[in-house]
Amino acid sequence: MAAGAPRVFVSHLAGVAVFDPNGDQVGRVRDIVTMLGGRRRLPSVLGLVVEVVSRRRVFLPMTRVTGVESGQVITTGVLNIRRFEQRPNERLILGELLDRRVTLLETDEEVTVLDVGLQRLPARRDWEIDRLFVRKGRKGGGLRGRRGETLTVEWDAVTGFALEEREQGTANLLATFDQLRPADLANVLHHLSEKRRAEVAAALHDDRLADVLEELPDDDQVEIIGKLADERAAVVLEAMDPDDAADLLGELPEDDKNRLLDLMQPQEAAPVRRLLSYEEGTAGSLMTTEPIVLRPDASVAEALARVREEDLPAPLASQVYVCRPPDETPTGQYLGVVHFQRLLREPPFALVGSLVDADLRPLPPGTTLPALTSYMAAYNIVSAPVVDEGSHLLGAVTVDDVLDDLLPEDWRQAAAAGGLPGFSDQALEGRAREGGVERDG
């Protein structure tokens, strides 16, 4: 849309980059704030919720938006970096208005809001909602699942936004954030209302929800898993990494934890139970039970193929663990590790059993966090093997697991709010100025 164009639909604003007049990016649009009711015929658009440094969400008044064009928002360059707090009379368009069921006044027919059109008032920087893109028919589609007719209507052609909706849809909200990484989608969920968060979680695919849960603060995890049916909660826990599933279950009351473990598939629950058996803050409680394990007769080509797996976290891809059969944890005798760089230097047909680094001593599961961090720092590694008394590999501790335990318990909430340790308001302000924005009051 060209600069100064009079209308834009909010689906085109979700995730759009925000730039200052110098062309420096200062954040991304995460939602749009409006106020329903009031003296004006059409609802005012108050501003944008912009995600800036360290995922802090701030408020950008629409009066400071100078242009919306070709997938970007241009501002005056003055941005207040105080954290956005939604006021009681404010509504978030993406988070609260999309997927609402409202009624067409002319026909008394229920429709679903798919998108919302914003209009810029002539000769002013004020914006208002003037259009709705809606679909006719009840939830779940019409006869035999066919979707109803879609149409664009004036804002005042519908009614029902002021009514509380018990079960609001999520399809269009999720579509606007479909390409977000799990950590970013987790940040979106964290800022939704409890009701809306539960609706979105219920609509996510099990694997997607599992990825998002791993990135949420403990309180949000417990809240969401507690609102799922037990059978689905067990399936989602199975899709999570065993160490993350163990951390979540460890936050639940004992009865709830045991009930969900019993509902999980035995082969999926077994590693989680093992992790829960170790003392908190030890290598055993922090490790993942799914490192790359190879037999000594595996080739370098096989090892590199495993390292290239798309879903493998980078710390786990840094080295492979060579063990005698069986090669599922707890494995047969642990022989040593082969580092990724060594694999790159060897011919594809070489056997990993001839390349092991046996000098990197493994850790017992009772290793404390201070000893673990000293070990990883001393050897300059991002992943460490954990073995039992019989030299069977139990799992591997990765640097991200260590950081999770070293940081304050509320670090995820602090990150979501832009308050990461070491980032004072002054530091954030300095970072913001580097990006071309200044604190405004």
Protein backbone atom coordinates (compact mmCIF):
# COMPACT_ATOMS: atom_id res chain seq x y z
CA MET A 1 0.00 0.00 0.00
CA ALA A 2 1.41 3.38 -0.96
CA ALA A 3 2.40 5.91 1.67
CA GLY A 4 -0.55 7.84 2.98
CA ALA A 5 -3.08 5.32 1.61
CA PRO A 6 -6.44 5.66 3.38
CA ARG A 7 -7.09 2.02 4.36
CA VAL A 8 -5.28 -1.13 5.44
CA PHE A 9 -6.50 -4.49 6.77
CA VAL A 10 -4.95 -5.65 10.03
CA SER A 11 -3.91 -9.04 8.61
CA HIS A 12 -1.41 -7.09 6.51
CA LEU A 13 0.03 -5.41 9.61
CA ALA A 14 0.73 -8.51 11.74
CA GLY A 15 4.49 -8.95 12.13
CA VAL A 16 5.30 -6.02 9.85
CA ALA A 17 8.60 -4.25 10.53
CA VAL A 18 8.48 -0.74 12.02
CA PHE A 19 11.10 1.77 10.82
CA ASP A 20 12.12 5.25 11.88
CA PRO A 21 12.58 8.01 9.26
CA ASN A 22 16.27 7.06 8.86
CA GLY A 23 15.36 3.57 7.73
CA ASP A 24 16.45 1.86 10.96
CA GLN A 25 14.16 -0.93 12.13
CA VAL A 26 12.86 -0.33 15.67
CA GLY A 27 10.53 -3.32 16.06
CA ARG A 28 7.64 -5.33 14.66
CA VAL A 29 3.87 -4.91 14.90
CA ARG A 30 2.31 -7.49 17.23
CA ASP A 31 -1.20 -6.03 17.61
CA ILE A 32 -3.39 -2.98 17.11
CA VAL A 33 -5.15 -1.19 19.97
CA THR A 34 -8.67 0.18 19.57
CA MET A 35 -11.41 1.57 21.80
CA LEU A 36 -14.97 0.47 21.11
CA GLY A 37 -17.89 2.73 21.89
CA GLY A 38 -17.43 6.36 22.84
CA ARG A 39 -18.85 9.42 21.14
CA ARG A 40 -17.59 8.66 17.64
CA ARG A 41 -19.64 6.57 15.23
CA LEU A 42 -16.64 4.43 14.30
CA PRO A 43 -14.11 2.98 16.80
CA SER A 44 -10.85 4.88 17.13
CA VAL A 45 -7.57 3.11 16.45
CA LEU A 46 -5.36 4.25 19.31
CA GLY A 47 -2.05 2.77 18.25
CA LEU A 48 0.14 -0.25 17.58
CA VAL A 49 1.69 -2.72 19.99
CA VAL A 50 5.30 -2.91 18.80
CA GLU A 51 7.82 -5.51 19.94
CA VAL A 52 11.25 -3.91 20.35
CA VAL A 53 14.47 -4.72 22.24
CA SER A 54 14.45 -7.99 24.18
CA ARG A 55 10.83 -8.69 23.19
CA ARG A 56 9.57 -5.69 25.16
CA ARG A 57 6.16 -4.60 23.92
CA VAL A 58 5.59 -0.86 23.73
CA PHE A 59 2.77 1.37 22.56
CA LEU A 60 3.11 3.40 19.36
CA PRO A 61 0.29 5.97 18.96
CA MET A 62 -1.22 6.09 15.48
CA THR A 63 -0.55 9.83 15.44
CA ARG A 64 3.14 8.94 15.11
CA VAL A 65 2.62 6.62 12.15
CA THR A 66 3.56 8.56 9.04
CA GLY A 67 3.18 5.79 6.50
CA VAL A 68 2.08 2.20 5.90
CA GLU A 69 3.63 0.92 2.70
CA SER A 70 4.82 -2.33 1.07
CA GLY A 71 5.01 -4.39 4.22
CA GLN A 72 6.41 -1.78 6.59
CA VAL A 73 5.32 0.93 9.01
CA ILE A 74 7.12 4.27 9.11
CA THR A 75 7.13 6.34 12.32
CA THR A 76 8.23 9.79 13.36
CA GLY A 77 11.14 8.15 15.20
CA VAL A 78 9.89 9.09 18.68
CA LEU A 79 8.94 5.97 20.61
CA ASN A 80 8.17 5.61 24.31
CA ILE A 81 9.90 2.40 25.41
CA ARG A 82 7.86 1.87 28.57
CA ARG A 83 6.18 -1.55 28.55
CA PHE A 84 2.69 -1.61 27.06
CA GLU A 85 -0.10 -2.21 29.57
CA GLN A 86 -3.60 -2.72 28.19
CA ARG A 87 -6.23 -0.50 29.82
CA PRO A 88 -9.72 -1.75 30.71
CA ASN A 89 -11.45 0.15 27.91
CA GLU A 90 -8.97 -0.95 25.23
CA ARG A 91 -9.32 -3.92 22.89
CA LEU A 92 -6.60 -5.71 20.88
CA ILE A 93 -7.79 -6.25 17.32
CA LEU A 94 -5.69 -9.31 16.47
CA GLY A 95 -5.94 -10.88 19.89
CA GLU A 96 -9.60 -10.17 20.67
CA LEU A 97 -11.63 -9.12 17.62
CA LEU A 98 -10.56 -11.62 14.97
CA ASP A 99 -12.70 -14.78 14.91
CA ARG A 100 -15.49 -13.06 16.88
CA ARG A 101 -19.07 -14.06 16.14
CA VAL A 102 -21.21 -10.99 15.48
CA THR A 103 -24.62 -10.35 13.93
CA LEU A 104 -25.52 -8.62 10.67
CA LEU A 105 -28.18 -6.05 11.54
CA GLU A 106 -29.93 -6.20 8.18
CA THR A 107 -30.54 -9.98 8.16
CA ASP A 108 -30.00 -10.92 11.84
CA GLU A 109 -27.50 -13.51 10.56
CA GLU A 110 -24.41 -14.60 12.51
CA VAL A 111 -21.03 -14.04 10.84
CA THR A 112 -17.39 -14.59 11.81
CA VAL A 113 -14.91 -11.71 11.66
CA LEU A 114 -12.00 -12.70 9.41
CA ASP A 115 -10.29 -9.32 9.09
CA VAL A 116 -10.66 -5.70 10.16
CA GLY A 117 -10.16 -2.66 7.92
CA LEU A 118 -8.59 0.54 9.23
CA GLN A 119 -9.15 3.92 7.60
CA ARG A 120 -6.96 6.99 7.94
CA LEU A 121 -8.98 10.18 8.29
CA PRO A 122 -8.35 12.83 5.60
CA ALA A 123 -5.78 15.50 6.46
CA ARG A 124 -5.19 13.92 9.90
CA ARG A 125 -3.09 11.18 11.48
CA ASP A 126 -6.10 9.65 13.23
CA TRP A 127 -7.30 6.20 12.21
CA GLU A 128 -10.58 4.37 12.79
CA ILE A 129 -12.16 0.98 12.07
CA ASP A 130 -14.54 1.29 9.14
CA ARG A 131 -14.76 -2.15 7.50
CA LEU A 132 -15.06 -5.81 8.49
CA PHE A 133 -14.32 -8.81 6.32
CA VAL A 134 -16.68 -11.56 7.49
CA ARG A 135 -17.87 -15.07 6.68
CA LYS A 136 -21.48 -16.15 6.87
CA GLY A 137 -22.54 -19.42 8.48
CA ARG A 138 -22.04 -20.99 11.88
CA LYS A 139 -18.72 -22.21 13.32
CA GLY A 140 -17.27 -25.26 11.67
CA GLY A 141 -18.67 -24.40 8.23
CA GLY A 142 -22.05 -24.85 6.67
CA LEU A 143 -23.84 -27.91 5.30
CA ARG A 144 -21.42 -30.84 4.85
CA GLY A 145 -18.52 -28.68 6.01
CA ARG A 146 -18.83 -26.15 3.16
CA ARG A 147 -17.65 -22.70 4.04
CA GLY A 148 -20.10 -19.82 3.92
CA GLU A 149 -20.01 -16.74 1.72
CA THR A 150 -17.45 -14.05 2.56
CA LEU A 151 -18.15 -10.35 2.22
CA THR A 152 -16.92 -6.93 3.32
CA VAL A 153 -19.34 -4.85 5.38
CA GLU A 154 -19.36 -1.48 7.11
CA TRP A 155 -18.50 -1.49 10.84
CA ASP A 156 -21.93 -0.23 11.83
CA ALA A 157 -23.63 -2.99 9.80
CA VAL A 158 -22.96 -5.46 12.61
CA THR A 159 -23.59 -5.74 16.33
CA GLY A 160 -22.30 -7.95 19.12
CA PHE A 161 -18.73 -6.81 19.84
CA ALA A 162 -19.73 -5.60 23.28
CA LEU A 163 -21.05 -9.04 24.28
CA GLU A 164 -18.79 -11.57 25.95
CA GLU A 165 -18.24 -14.60 23.72
CA ARG A 166 -17.77 -17.89 25.55
CA GLU A 167 -16.02 -19.76 22.73
CA GLN A 168 -14.23 -17.49 20.29
CA GLY A 169 -12.56 -19.00 17.23
CA THR A 170 -8.82 -18.85 16.58
CA ALA A 171 -8.24 -19.67 12.92
CA ASN A 172 -7.62 -16.13 11.69
CA LEU A 173 -5.53 -15.12 14.70
CA LEU A 174 -3.32 -18.19 14.19
CA ALA A 175 -3.09 -17.50 10.46
CA THR A 176 -1.62 -14.06 11.12
CA PHE A 177 1.18 -15.61 13.21
CA ASP A 178 1.63 -18.84 11.26
CA GLN A 179 5.27 -18.17 10.40
CA LEU A 180 6.40 -17.21 13.91
CA ARG A 181 9.08 -19.23 15.65
CA PRO A 182 7.84 -21.11 18.73
CA ALA A 183 9.54 -18.61 21.07
CA ASP A 184 7.79 -15.69 19.33
CA LEU A 185 4.41 -17.41 19.31
CA ALA A 186 4.93 -18.18 23.01
CA ASN A 187 5.44 -14.45 23.55
CA VAL A 188 2.14 -13.76 21.76
CA LEU A 189 0.32 -16.27 23.98
CA HIS A 190 1.89 -14.85 27.12
CA HIS A 191 0.33 -11.45 26.37
CA LEU A 192 -3.18 -12.75 25.63
CA SER A 193 -5.90 -12.97 28.24
CA GLU A 194 -6.21 -16.28 30.10
CA LYS A 195 -9.42 -17.09 28.22
CA ARG A 196 -7.92 -16.30 24.82
CA ARG A 197 -4.70 -18.15 25.66
CA ALA A 198 -6.69 -21.30 26.42
CA GLU A 199 -8.64 -20.96 23.14
CA VAL A 200 -5.48 -20.59 21.07
CA ALA A 201 -3.73 -23.47 22.86
CA ALA A 202 -6.76 -25.68 22.23
CA ALA A 203 -6.58 -24.89 18.49
CA LEU A 204 -2.84 -25.47 18.00
CA HIS A 205 -1.62 -28.76 16.58
CA ASP A 206 -0.16 -31.03 19.28
CA ASP A 207 3.43 -30.72 18.00
CA ARG A 208 3.16 -26.96 17.61
CA LEU A 209 1.70 -26.59 21.10
CA ALA A 210 4.50 -28.76 22.51
CA ASP A 211 7.13 -26.50 20.90
CA VAL A 212 5.40 -23.38 22.22
CA LEU A 213 4.98 -24.77 25.76
CA GLU A 214 8.73 -25.33 25.95
CA GLU A 215 9.22 -21.57 25.49
CA LEU A 216 6.59 -20.34 27.97
CA PRO A 217 7.08 -19.35 31.61
CA ASP A 218 6.27 -22.07 34.15
CA ASP A 219 3.00 -20.42 35.25
CA ASP A 220 1.70 -20.27 31.68
CA GLN A 221 2.71 -23.89 31.07
CA VAL A 222 0.86 -25.11 34.14
CA GLU A 223 -2.20 -22.99 33.30
CA ILE A 224 -2.42 -24.29 29.72
CA ILE A 225 -1.75 -27.96 30.45
CA GLY A 226 -4.30 -27.80 33.28
CA LYS A 227 -7.04 -26.68 30.85
CA LEU A 228 -6.44 -29.46 28.34
CA ALA A 229 -8.29 -32.76 28.55
CA ASP A 230 -6.03 -35.30 30.26
CA GLU A 231 -5.72 -37.44 27.13
CA ARG A 232 -4.60 -34.50 25.01
CA ALA A 233 -2.28 -33.21 27.73
CA ALA A 234 -0.55 -36.59 27.73
CA VAL A 235 -0.13 -36.49 23.93
CA VAL A 236 1.36 -32.98 24.09
CA LEU A 237 3.76 -34.05 26.83
CA GLU A 238 4.86 -36.95 24.64
CA ALA A 239 5.65 -34.48 21.84
CA MET A 240 7.81 -32.33 24.11
CA ASP A 241 11.50 -33.00 24.71
CA PRO A 242 11.67 -35.36 27.73
CA ASP A 243 13.60 -32.86 29.85
CA ASP A 244 11.06 -30.09 29.15
CA ALA A 245 8.17 -32.46 29.83
CA ALA A 246 9.82 -33.47 33.12
CA ASP A 247 10.25 -29.81 34.10
CA LEU A 248 6.57 -29.11 33.43
CA LEU A 249 5.35 -32.19 35.28
CA GLY A 250 7.60 -31.27 38.18
CA GLU A 251 5.53 -28.09 38.62
CA LEU A 252 2.25 -30.00 38.96
CA PRO A 253 0.71 -31.48 42.11
CA GLU A 254 1.82 -35.08 42.69
CA ASP A 255 -1.59 -36.59 41.81
CA ASP A 256 -1.80 -34.67 38.52
CA LYS A 257 1.77 -35.57 37.61
CA ASN A 258 1.26 -39.28 38.20
CA ARG A 259 -2.08 -39.30 36.37
CA LEU A 260 -0.57 -37.75 33.24
CA LEU A 261 2.48 -40.03 33.35
CA ASP A 262 0.15 -43.05 33.48
CA LEU A 263 -1.71 -41.76 30.41
CA MET A 264 1.48 -41.32 28.37
CA GLN A 265 2.77 -44.13 26.17
CA PRO A 266 5.11 -46.26 28.35
CA GLN A 267 8.08 -45.76 26.01
CA GLU A 268 7.54 -41.98 26.10
CA ALA A 269 6.94 -41.83 29.85
CA ALA A 270 9.99 -43.93 30.78
CA PRO A 271 12.68 -41.26 30.10
CA VAL A 272 10.51 -38.60 31.76
CA ARG A 273 10.18 -40.74 34.89
CA ARG A 274 13.95 -41.24 34.95
CA LEU A 275 14.55 -37.49 34.76
CA LEU A 276 12.07 -36.85 37.56
CA SER A 277 13.94 -39.31 39.76
CA TYR A 278 17.08 -37.17 39.88
CA GLU A 279 17.62 -34.40 42.38
CA GLU A 280 16.75 -30.95 41.08
CA GLY A 281 19.72 -28.92 39.89
CA THR A 282 21.91 -31.92 39.04
CA ALA A 283 23.18 -33.12 35.66
CA GLY A 284 20.63 -35.94 35.75
CA SER A 285 17.69 -33.58 36.14
CA LEU A 286 18.98 -31.18 33.46
CA MET A 287 20.01 -33.63 30.73
CA THR A 288 18.12 -34.63 27.63
CA THR A 289 17.71 -38.35 27.06
CA GLU A 290 17.80 -37.99 23.25
CA PRO A 291 21.35 -37.10 22.15
CA ILE A 292 22.78 -38.50 18.91
CA VAL A 293 23.94 -42.03 19.76
CA LEU A 294 25.87 -44.13 17.22
CA ARG A 295 27.45 -47.55 17.31
CA PRO A 296 31.22 -47.73 16.71
CA ASP A 297 30.73 -49.30 13.26
CA ALA A 298 28.66 -46.33 12.02
CA SER A 299 30.28 -44.26 9.26
CA VAL A 300 31.07 -40.56 9.23
CA ALA A 301 28.45 -40.19 6.47
CA GLU A 302 25.80 -41.65 8.82
CA ALA A 303 26.93 -39.34 11.62
CA LEU A 304 26.70 -36.25 9.42
CA ALA A 305 23.24 -37.30 8.23
CA ARG A 306 22.10 -37.42 11.87
CA VAL A 307 23.67 -34.04 12.62
CA ARG A 308 21.81 -32.50 9.67
CA GLU A 309 18.37 -33.43 11.04
CA GLU A 310 16.25 -30.27 10.85
CA ASP A 311 14.65 -30.47 14.29
CA LEU A 312 17.89 -31.16 16.15
CA PRO A 313 18.91 -28.29 18.49
CA ALA A 314 22.32 -26.83 17.69
CA PRO A 315 23.97 -27.86 21.00
CA LEU A 316 23.00 -31.51 20.45
CA ALA A 317 24.35 -31.35 16.89
CA SER A 318 27.80 -30.31 18.14
CA GLN A 319 28.89 -33.90 18.81
CA VAL A 320 27.79 -37.51 18.56
CA TYR A 321 28.08 -40.10 21.33
CA VAL A 322 29.57 -43.49 20.47
CA CYS A 323 28.26 -46.45 22.48
CA ARG A 324 27.96 -50.18 22.19
CA PRO A 325 24.44 -51.60 21.64
CA PRO A 326 21.77 -50.89 22.66
CA ASP A 327 21.90 -47.34 21.30
CA GLU A 328 18.82 -45.99 23.12
CA THR A 329 19.48 -44.37 26.49
CA PRO A 330 20.48 -45.89 28.82
CA THR A 331 22.83 -47.36 26.23
CA GLY A 332 25.44 -50.06 26.23
CA GLN A 333 29.00 -49.18 27.22
CA TYR A 334 29.86 -45.54 26.55
CA LEU A 335 33.03 -45.24 24.40
CA GLY A 336 33.41 -41.50 23.84
CA VAL A 337 32.36 -38.55 21.69
CA VAL A 338 33.15 -37.39 18.18
CA HIS A 339 32.98 -33.63 17.67
CA PHE A 340 31.24 -32.18 14.63
CA GLN A 341 34.43 -30.50 13.37
CA ARG A 342 36.27 -33.84 13.45
CA LEU A 343 33.50 -35.39 11.36
CA LEU A 344 33.97 -32.68 8.74
CA ARG A 345 37.70 -33.45 8.48
CA GLU A 346 37.33 -37.20 7.92
CA PRO A 347 36.32 -39.18 4.79
CA PRO A 348 32.66 -40.27 4.66
CA PHE A 349 33.55 -43.98 4.87
CA ALA A 350 35.61 -43.67 8.09
CA LEU A 351 34.09 -45.37 11.15
CA VAL A 352 33.21 -43.21 14.14
CA GLY A 353 34.61 -45.86 16.49
CA SER A 354 38.11 -44.94 15.28
CA LEU A 355 37.56 -41.21 15.88
CA VAL A 356 36.28 -41.06 19.46
CA ASP A 357 37.63 -38.55 21.92
CA ALA A 358 37.99 -40.66 25.04
CA ASP A 359 39.75 -37.92 26.99
CA LEU A 360 36.53 -36.00 27.64
CA ARG A 361 35.46 -37.67 30.84
CA PRO A 362 31.70 -38.20 31.26
CA LEU A 363 29.76 -36.89 34.25
CA PRO A 364 27.75 -38.81 36.84
CA PRO A 365 24.06 -37.82 37.07
CA GLY A 366 24.55 -36.36 40.56
CA THR A 367 26.96 -33.67 39.32
CA THR A 368 25.91 -30.32 40.81
CA LEU A 369 25.22 -27.23 38.74
CA PRO A 370 28.42 -25.36 39.82
CA ALA A 371 30.56 -28.40 38.95
CA LEU A 372 28.71 -28.81 35.65
CA THR A 373 29.20 -25.19 34.58
CA SER A 374 32.91 -25.34 35.52
CA TYR A 375 33.28 -28.54 33.49
CA MET A 376 31.67 -27.05 30.36
CA ALA A 377 33.70 -23.86 30.68
CA ALA A 378 36.97 -25.76 31.19
CA TYR A 379 36.49 -27.93 28.09
CA ASN A 380 34.82 -25.22 25.94
CA ILE A 381 31.90 -27.49 25.07
CA VAL A 382 28.17 -26.92 24.63
CA SER A 383 27.09 -30.48 25.38
CA ALA A 384 28.33 -32.94 28.03
CA PRO A 385 27.78 -36.73 28.39
CA VAL A 386 26.13 -38.14 31.52
CA VAL A 387 26.75 -41.81 32.42
CA ASP A 388 25.77 -44.14 35.27
CA GLU A 389 28.08 -46.27 37.43
CA GLY A 390 28.15 -48.98 34.76
CA SER A 391 29.38 -46.53 32.07
CA HIS A 392 26.03 -46.54 30.26
CA LEU A 393 25.15 -43.24 28.59
CA LEU A 394 22.05 -41.75 30.24
CA GLY A 395 21.85 -38.53 28.27
CA ALA A 396 23.57 -35.23 27.60
CA VAL A 397 23.41 -31.82 29.25
CA THR A 398 23.37 -28.90 26.81
CA VAL A 399 24.36 -25.31 27.45
CA ASP A 400 20.78 -24.05 27.03
CA ASP A 401 19.62 -26.38 29.83
CA VAL A 402 22.36 -25.01 32.06
CA LEU A 403 21.42 -21.41 31.27
CA ASP A 404 17.76 -22.14 32.02
CA ASP A 405 18.77 -23.27 35.49
CA LEU A 406 21.30 -20.48 36.11
CA LEU A 407 18.94 -17.64 35.21
CA PRO A 408 16.31 -16.41 37.71
CA GLU A 409 13.08 -18.42 37.78
CA ASP A 410 11.12 -15.59 36.17
CA TRP A 411 13.59 -14.95 33.36
CA ARG A 412 11.05 -15.86 30.67
CA GLN A 413 8.56 -13.36 32.06
CA ALA A 414 11.34 -10.77 32.27
CA ALA A 415 12.36 -11.45 28.68
CA ALA A 416 8.76 -11.17 27.51
CA ALA A 417 8.49 -7.84 29.29
CA GLY A 418 11.84 -6.59 28.06
CA GLY A 419 13.41 -6.83 31.51
CA LEU A 420 16.22 -9.30 30.94
CA PRO A 421 18.87 -9.36 33.68
CA GLY A 422 21.49 -6.77 32.91
CA PHE A 423 19.11 -4.60 30.88
CA SER A 424 18.14 -1.63 33.02
CA ASP A 425 15.76 1.01 31.70
CA GLN A 426 18.79 3.18 30.96
CA ALA A 427 20.44 0.37 29.00
CA LEU A 428 17.26 -0.28 27.05
CA GLU A 429 16.92 3.42 26.37
CA GLY A 430 20.46 3.53 25.04
CA ARG A 431 19.82 0.54 22.79
CA ALA A 432 16.61 2.15 21.55
CA ARG A 433 18.40 5.40 20.70
CA GLU A 434 20.89 3.38 18.65
CA GLY A 435 17.91 2.16 16.66
CA GLY A 436 16.70 5.70 16.07
CA VAL A 437 14.09 6.01 18.81
CA GLU A 438 13.97 7.96 22.05
CA ARG A 439 12.08 7.61 25.29
CA ASP A 440 9.05 9.87 25.33
CA GLY A 441 8.21 10.71 28.93
